[in-house]
């Protein structure tokens, strides 16, 4: 279990998705908000000086990925449950 120094949330890396595309992460935050964002990492493992956003692996983030791939995430907003 890892606890984020940024969000304070704890997570298992095997239950997460890791995204370094800043535009995609920005659109995901606009679409579903920060509840599913677990952490932001700074790493040079895959490319120099990258920020990697750690997201929960769930239906909301899967829907964001599906919409991103179809170029439809920009205008999407997840309904808020009351």
Protein backbone atom coordinates (compact mmCIF):
# COMPACT_ATOMS: atom_id res chain seq x y z
CA UNK A 1 0.00 0.00 0.00
CA UNK A 2 1.30 3.45 -0.94
CA UNK A 3 0.13 6.71 0.62
CA UNK A 4 0.39 9.80 -1.56
CA UNK A 5 2.33 12.76 -0.17
CA UNK A 6 0.21 14.98 -2.45
CA UNK A 7 -3.36 13.76 -1.92
CA UNK A 8 -2.97 11.78 1.31
CA UNK A 9 -4.86 8.88 -0.31
CA UNK A 10 -3.65 5.28 -0.01
CA UNK A 11 -3.67 2.93 -3.00
CA UNK A 12 -2.40 -0.35 -4.39
CA UNK A 13 -0.50 0.21 -7.67
CA UNK A 14 -2.05 -2.97 -9.13
CA UNK A 15 -5.50 -1.35 -8.78
CA UNK A 16 -4.51 1.84 -10.61
CA UNK A 17 -3.92 3.26 -14.05
CA UNK A 18 -0.99 5.57 -14.72
CA UNK A 19 -1.36 8.41 -17.24
CA UNK A 20 1.33 10.92 -18.18
CA UNK A 21 -0.55 12.78 -20.92
CA UNK A 22 -1.29 16.17 -19.32
CA UNK A 23 -4.12 17.01 -21.71
CA UNK A 24 -5.83 13.69 -21.03
CA UNK A 25 -5.48 14.14 -17.26
CA UNK A 26 -6.81 17.69 -17.44
CA UNK A 27 -9.86 16.50 -19.37
CA UNK A 28 -10.37 13.62 -16.92
CA UNK A 29 -10.31 16.04 -13.98
CA UNK A 30 -12.89 18.19 -15.75
CA UNK A 31 -15.04 15.16 -16.54
CA UNK A 32 -15.00 13.22 -13.25
CA UNK A 33 -13.30 15.47 -10.71
CA UNK A 34 -10.48 14.58 -8.32
CA UNK A 35 -12.14 11.75 -6.35
CA UNK A 36 -10.48 9.04 -8.49
CA UNK A 37 -7.08 10.76 -8.60
CA UNK A 38 -4.82 9.01 -6.07
CA UNK A 39 -1.42 10.56 -6.66
CA UNK A 40 0.88 12.56 -8.92
CA UNK A 41 4.36 11.15 -9.37
CA UNK A 42 7.50 12.76 -10.78
CA UNK A 43 9.59 10.28 -12.71
CA UNK A 44 12.08 9.92 -15.54
CA UNK A 45 11.53 6.18 -15.87
CA UNK A 46 9.71 6.20 -19.23
CA UNK A 47 10.52 9.73 -20.44
CA UNK A 48 12.52 12.64 -19.01
CA UNK A 49 10.94 14.75 -16.28
CA UNK A 50 7.42 13.34 -16.52
CA UNK A 51 4.48 13.89 -14.22
CA UNK A 52 2.44 10.71 -13.95
CA UNK A 53 -1.11 10.86 -12.64
CA UNK A 54 -2.24 7.80 -10.67
CA UNK A 55 -5.96 7.08 -11.11
CA UNK A 56 -8.28 4.48 -9.63
CA UNK A 57 -9.00 1.65 -12.04
CA UNK A 58 -12.81 1.70 -12.18
CA UNK A 59 -15.81 2.28 -14.45
CA UNK A 60 -15.47 6.09 -14.41
CA UNK A 61 -11.84 6.09 -15.49
CA UNK A 62 -12.52 3.33 -18.04
CA UNK A 63 -15.28 5.50 -19.55
CA UNK A 64 -12.88 8.45 -19.68
CA UNK A 65 -10.32 6.28 -21.51
CA UNK A 66 -12.97 5.09 -23.98
CA UNK A 67 -14.05 8.68 -24.67
CA UNK A 68 -10.43 9.87 -24.92
CA UNK A 69 -9.71 7.24 -27.56
CA UNK A 70 -12.76 8.46 -29.55
CA UNK A 71 -11.70 12.13 -29.10
CA UNK A 72 -14.90 12.82 -27.15
CA UNK A 73 -13.63 13.34 -23.59
CA UNK A 74 -13.21 17.12 -23.86
CA UNK A 75 -16.94 17.89 -23.57
CA UNK A 76 -17.92 15.02 -21.27
CA UNK A 77 -19.08 15.58 -17.67
CA UNK A 78 -19.92 12.66 -15.39
CA UNK A 79 -23.31 13.10 -13.69
CA UNK A 80 -23.00 13.69 -9.94
CA UNK A 81 -24.83 11.21 -7.72
CA UNK A 82 -26.83 12.81 -4.89
